[in-house]
Amino acid sequence: CIPQAVCCGDHQHCCPRGYTCNVATESCEKLLAPTPLVPTPAAPRRPPPVPLRATGTHPGGLVPCGATGSCRVGQRCCRARGGSWGCCPFAQGSCCSDGRHCCPAGSRCTGGGWGCSPQRWDLH
């Protein structure tokens, strides 16, 4: 027999390494190389929530937050911890329940402030 050969099931024939026995046709068939698996795409990363900025007393072009604070135009007032206010840098953003973060327009806060997930139109 051939060195490093594979013995066939009939115990009468053998095939070279890299081949398999086809007892029915008494022949050797070349083994096909396995195809490597394609890695699965990573789950889309959720953008992290953005920390709220402190309200200020900016002159002109303001969005009032409560009686004392205000945010700039293009920002949104979010209720912060302790009854104060914070500014979300997105005018159409959504405020997180932790009172410290907000998410961009078209997404909502998940886990109280751990991440932003896209809002689905069919859940409204």
Protein backbone atom coordinates (compact mmCIF):
# COMPACT_ATOMS: atom_id res chain seq x y z
CA CYS A 1 0.00 0.00 0.00
CA ILE A 2 0.99 3.68 -0.36
CA PRO A 3 2.63 5.48 2.64
CA GLN A 4 0.07 7.45 4.75
CA ALA A 5 -2.67 5.70 2.77
CA VAL A 6 -6.28 5.32 3.83
CA CYS A 7 -7.46 1.71 3.88
CA CYS A 8 -10.83 1.08 2.31
CA GLY A 9 -13.74 -0.66 4.01
CA ASP A 10 -13.32 -3.76 1.83
CA HIS A 11 -9.84 -4.26 3.36
CA GLN A 12 -8.52 -4.97 -0.15
CA HIS A 13 -7.83 -1.49 -1.44
CA CYS A 14 -6.28 1.70 -0.19
CA CYS A 15 -6.16 5.31 -1.35
CA PRO A 16 -3.51 8.02 -0.99
CA ARG A 17 -3.80 10.59 1.78
CA GLY A 18 -6.30 13.31 0.81
CA TYR A 19 -8.53 10.83 -1.00
CA THR A 20 -11.50 8.76 0.10
CA CYS A 21 -12.50 5.27 -1.00
CA ASN A 22 -15.48 4.70 -3.23
CA VAL A 23 -15.99 0.97 -2.70
CA ALA A 24 -18.86 0.82 -5.21
CA THR A 25 -16.69 1.97 -8.11
CA GLU A 26 -13.43 0.65 -6.58
CA SER A 27 -11.87 4.06 -7.04
CA CYS A 28 -10.34 6.86 -5.00
CA GLU A 29 -12.04 10.25 -4.91
CA LYS A 30 -10.24 13.44 -3.94
CA LEU A 31 -11.54 14.99 -0.73
CA LEU A 32 -12.83 18.54 -1.05
CA ALA A 33 -11.31 21.13 1.22
CA PRO A 34 -13.78 22.44 3.79
CA THR A 35 -15.01 25.98 3.24
CA PRO A 36 -14.23 28.27 6.17
CA LEU A 37 -17.24 29.75 7.91
CA VAL A 38 -17.96 33.38 7.23
CA PRO A 39 -18.04 35.29 10.51
CA THR A 40 -21.48 36.50 11.46
CA PRO A 41 -21.84 40.28 11.31
CA ALA A 42 -21.58 41.93 14.67
CA ALA A 43 -24.78 43.24 16.14
CA PRO A 44 -25.19 46.90 15.28
CA ARG A 45 -23.75 49.00 18.03
CA ARG A 46 -26.23 51.18 19.79
CA PRO A 47 -25.02 54.73 20.18
CA PRO A 48 -24.47 55.61 23.82
CA PRO A 49 -26.73 58.22 25.39
CA VAL A 50 -25.36 61.73 25.50
CA PRO A 51 -24.84 63.38 28.90
CA LEU A 52 -27.10 66.35 29.58
CA ARG A 53 -25.46 69.76 29.77
CA ALA A 54 -26.19 72.21 32.55
CA THR A 55 -28.79 74.87 31.86
CA GLY A 56 -27.56 78.41 31.82
CA THR A 57 -28.75 81.95 31.46
CA HIS A 58 -27.87 82.51 27.80
CA PRO A 59 -29.03 85.83 26.36
CA GLY A 60 -31.22 85.53 23.24
CA GLY A 61 -32.21 82.41 21.27
CA LEU A 62 -33.24 80.40 24.30
CA VAL A 63 -35.54 77.55 25.13
CA PRO A 64 -36.88 78.15 28.65
CA CYS A 65 -36.68 75.23 31.09
CA GLY A 66 -38.89 75.80 34.10
CA ALA A 67 -38.64 79.15 35.84
CA THR A 68 -34.88 79.56 36.15
CA GLY A 69 -32.91 77.63 33.54
CA SER A 70 -32.80 77.67 29.78
CA CYS A 71 -31.19 75.81 26.91
CA ARG A 72 -30.00 77.11 23.57
CA VAL A 73 -32.11 76.90 20.43
CA GLY A 74 -31.64 73.44 18.89
CA GLN A 75 -31.50 71.81 22.33
CA ARG A 76 -34.19 70.20 24.43
CA CYS A 77 -34.90 70.65 28.12
CA CYS A 78 -34.79 67.44 30.12
CA ARG A 79 -35.77 67.07 33.75
CA ALA A 80 -32.56 66.28 35.62
CA ARG A 81 -32.08 64.74 39.04
CA GLY A 82 -33.13 66.72 42.08
CA GLY A 83 -35.84 68.65 40.18
CA SER A 84 -33.36 70.70 38.14
CA TRP A 85 -33.08 70.81 34.36
CA GLY A 86 -30.49 69.72 31.83
CA CYS A 87 -29.98 70.45 28.14
CA CYS A 88 -30.06 67.70 25.55
CA PRO A 89 -28.01 68.72 22.47
CA PHE A 90 -30.73 67.31 20.17
CA ALA A 91 -33.85 69.47 19.68
CA GLN A 92 -35.95 66.38 18.92
CA GLY A 93 -34.04 64.11 21.33
CA SER A 94 -35.60 61.93 23.99
CA CYS A 95 -34.78 62.36 27.67
CA CYS A 96 -33.61 59.32 29.66
CA SER A 97 -35.25 58.41 32.94
CA ASP A 98 -31.92 58.58 34.78
CA GLY A 99 -32.08 62.39 34.54
CA ARG A 100 -28.52 62.52 33.21
CA HIS A 101 -28.65 61.44 29.56
CA CYS A 102 -30.64 61.82 26.35
CA CYS A 103 -30.76 60.13 22.94
CA PRO A 104 -30.82 61.57 19.39
CA ALA A 105 -34.04 62.08 17.45
CA GLY A 106 -35.53 58.83 16.16
CA SER A 107 -34.22 56.78 19.08
CA ARG A 108 -35.28 56.23 22.63
CA CYS A 109 -33.44 55.56 25.85
CA THR A 110 -33.12 51.95 27.01
CA GLY A 111 -32.20 50.66 30.42
CA GLY A 112 -32.74 54.06 32.03
CA GLY A 113 -29.63 55.48 30.39
CA TRP A 114 -27.48 52.57 29.19
CA GLY A 115 -28.16 52.87 25.47
CA CYS A 116 -30.26 54.35 22.67
CA SER A 117 -32.36 52.10 20.48
CA PRO A 118 -34.11 53.10 17.25
CA GLN A 119 -37.78 53.89 17.61
CA ARG A 120 -39.93 51.69 15.41
CA TRP A 121 -42.88 53.28 13.68
CA ASP A 122 -45.03 50.18 14.29
CA LEU A 123 -44.75 50.47 18.09
CA HIS A 124 -46.47 53.85 18.35
